[in-house]
């Protein structure tokens, strides 16, 4: 895989890597892992809510009054 960044993104990534004393690749890979974990959790929560909220719609409506 090739990741193409514009000049500003490359510069920001390089500064971050220098600050953390890590490689640009390490920083990018960590960012990708965090993105996937965050979105995987959000997708799981959304799925549960889509399935379960209808079961409790009436109770939630009553509580909201």
C-alpha atoms as a PDB file:
ATOM      1  CA  UNK A   1       0.000   0.000   0.000  1.00  0.00           C
ATOM      2  CA  UNK A   2       1.166   3.498  -0.764  1.00  0.00           C
ATOM      3  CA  UNK A   3      -0.098   6.430   1.259  1.00  0.00           C
ATOM      4  CA  UNK A   4       0.072   9.745  -0.538  1.00  0.00           C
ATOM      5  CA  UNK A   5      -0.031  12.831   1.650  1.00  0.00           C
ATOM      6  CA  UNK A   6       0.033  16.449   0.586  1.00  0.00           C
ATOM      7  CA  UNK A   7       2.905  18.664   1.719  1.00  0.00           C
ATOM      8  CA  UNK A   8       1.060  20.013   4.765  1.00  0.00           C
ATOM      9  CA  UNK A   9       0.065  16.524   5.930  1.00  0.00           C
ATOM     10  CA  UNK A  10       3.603  15.237   5.448  1.00  0.00           C
ATOM     11  CA  UNK A  11       5.037  18.162   7.374  1.00  0.00           C
ATOM     12  CA  UNK A  12       2.570  17.733  10.246  1.00  0.00           C
ATOM     13  CA  UNK A  13       3.237  14.002  10.398  1.00  0.00           C
ATOM     14  CA  UNK A  14       6.985  14.566  10.372  1.00  0.00           C
ATOM     15  CA  UNK A  15       6.735  17.123  13.223  1.00  0.00           C
ATOM     16  CA  UNK A  16       4.581  14.743  15.266  1.00  0.00           C
ATOM     17  CA  UNK A  17       6.982  11.845  14.673  1.00  0.00           C
ATOM     18  CA  UNK A  18       9.943  13.993  15.669  1.00  0.00           C
ATOM     19  CA  UNK A  19       8.151  15.167  18.815  1.00  0.00           C
ATOM     20  CA  UNK A  20       7.332  11.597  19.841  1.00  0.00           C
ATOM     21  CA  UNK A  21      10.707  10.236  18.681  1.00  0.00           C
ATOM     22  CA  UNK A  22       8.915   7.660  16.541  1.00  0.00           C
ATOM     23  CA  UNK A  23       8.850   6.989  12.833  1.00  0.00           C
ATOM     24  CA  UNK A  24       6.239   8.535  10.576  1.00  0.00           C
ATOM     25  CA  UNK A  25       5.114   5.015   9.745  1.00  0.00           C
ATOM     26  CA  UNK A  26       4.568   4.182  13.421  1.00  0.00           C
ATOM     27  CA  UNK A  27       2.457   7.315  13.886  1.00  0.00           C
ATOM     28  CA  UNK A  28       0.373   6.606  10.775  1.00  0.00           C
ATOM     29  CA  UNK A  29      -0.199   2.965  11.708  1.00  0.00           C
ATOM     30  CA  UNK A  30      -1.274   3.939  15.240  1.00  0.00           C
ATOM     31  CA  UNK A  31      -3.687   6.507  13.805  1.00  0.00           C
ATOM     32  CA  UNK A  32      -5.204   3.892  11.505  1.00  0.00           C
ATOM     33  CA  UNK A  33      -5.607   1.421  14.386  1.00  0.00           C
ATOM     34  CA  UNK A  34      -7.298   4.086  16.529  1.00  0.00           C
ATOM     35  CA  UNK A  35      -9.628   5.022  13.659  1.00  0.00           C
ATOM     36  CA  UNK A  36     -10.654   1.408  13.083  1.00  0.00           C
ATOM     37  CA  UNK A  37     -11.180   0.734  16.806  1.00  0.00           C
ATOM     38  CA  UNK A  38     -13.252   3.897  17.242  1.00  0.00           C
ATOM     39  CA  UNK A  39     -15.451   3.238  14.239  1.00  0.00           C
ATOM     40  CA  UNK A  40     -15.817  -0.468  15.015  1.00  0.00           C
ATOM     41  CA  UNK A  41     -17.120   0.414  18.486  1.00  0.00           C
ATOM     42  CA  UNK A  42     -19.453   3.047  17.077  1.00  0.00           C
ATOM     43  CA  UNK A  43     -20.794   0.566  14.495  1.00  0.00           C
ATOM     44  CA  UNK A  44     -21.395  -2.038  17.214  1.00  0.00           C
ATOM     45  CA  UNK A  45     -23.234   0.465  19.413  1.00  0.00           C
ATOM     46  CA  UNK A  46     -25.319   1.670  16.467  1.00  0.00           C
ATOM     47  CA  UNK A  47     -26.291  -1.901  15.652  1.00  0.00           C
ATOM     48  CA  UNK A  48     -27.358  -2.635  19.212  1.00  0.00           C
ATOM     49  CA  UNK A  49     -29.366   0.573  19.379  1.00  0.00           C
ATOM     50  CA  UNK A  50     -31.067  -0.150  16.054  1.00  0.00           C
ATOM     51  CA  UNK A  51     -32.125  -3.573  17.331  1.00  0.00           C
ATOM     52  CA  UNK A  52     -33.029  -2.707  20.914  1.00  0.00           C
ATOM     53  CA  UNK A  53     -34.537   0.793  20.849  1.00  0.00           C
ATOM     54  CA  UNK A  54     -37.737  -0.293  19.109  1.00  0.00           C
ATOM     55  CA  UNK A  55     -38.360  -2.790  21.938  1.00  0.00           C
ATOM     56  CA  UNK A  56     -38.267   0.012  24.482  1.00  0.00           C
ATOM     57  CA  UNK A  57     -39.778   2.814  22.395  1.00  0.00           C
ATOM     58  CA  UNK A  58     -42.995   2.998  24.397  1.00  0.00           C
ATOM     59  CA  UNK A  59     -41.198   3.003  27.746  1.00  0.00           C
ATOM     60  CA  UNK A  60     -38.742   5.645  26.552  1.00  0.00           C
ATOM     61  CA  UNK A  61     -41.620   7.750  25.268  1.00  0.00           C
ATOM     62  CA  UNK A  62     -43.349   7.547  28.673  1.00  0.00           C
ATOM     63  CA  UNK A  63     -40.136   8.466  30.477  1.00  0.00           C
ATOM     64  CA  UNK A  64     -39.726  11.460  28.197  1.00  0.00           C
ATOM     65  CA  UNK A  65     -43.070  12.924  29.312  1.00  0.00           C
END
